[in-house]
């Protein structure tokens, strides 16, 4: 059975729950846990997420990590919805990965672009509790999560070794922040929801900064450009070829 833990996290800056951290160190199977933290004295936020550890997690000192951001249709408080697409879907069907994979669930009525502080706090917490190679932290997402991928990478441009935004978009000004972040974007050529131009404009802006950036367009694909992408082993090889601060 794959290690695929379900956790409920209240993300923040002040940790201080060493007992909980010890119990969460090596989740086995699928289980529910809670970490109680806060952003400050007044603000408390909660975020559900799935956590996957490789089967041989104990055999290495450090592991690369993927943060996966789902689309708008998977928002809510039922983590089974996060397993509909992307790496969580593949894990559910038994695919092993050589990564720690963190898949949070955006609450109803929220957008990833408004959860950047919370997502950063979640990563801080995961990095403090698990054997994460902090030079190999990767970010990917689809649709709303594609927009979130661009936004979070721009918010923390020095954190991610490489990113894969799928059918997302953002302001071309993000290129200034992401000029040192390798990007491989994907989009459907006939996407009726998010025009392919949203990805093309950002990739063009990045190329003008001499950044490592490329865009794969599926000419006949509509909005679902993520199934073919996440089924492609080349994207995981591409991620692993990148380490923060170095060229592959």
Foldseek 3Di string as FASTA:
>chain_A
DFAKEKEKEWFADDAPPVVQLVVPQDGGDYDYDYGFDAHDPPGIGMWIKMKTAAPVQVVDLAAAEEEEEEALVQAADDCVSQCPAFPSVVVVVPDGDRHIYMYIHHHPPDALLVCLNRVVRVVVSCVVRYRHPQQQYEYEYAHSSLQNQLNNCLVVVQRHQEYERELHADDLVSLVSNLAHAYEYEYECAAPPRHPVRVVSNQVSSVVSVGNYYYHYRDHDYRPPRRVVSVDVVVVVVSVCTTRPDHD
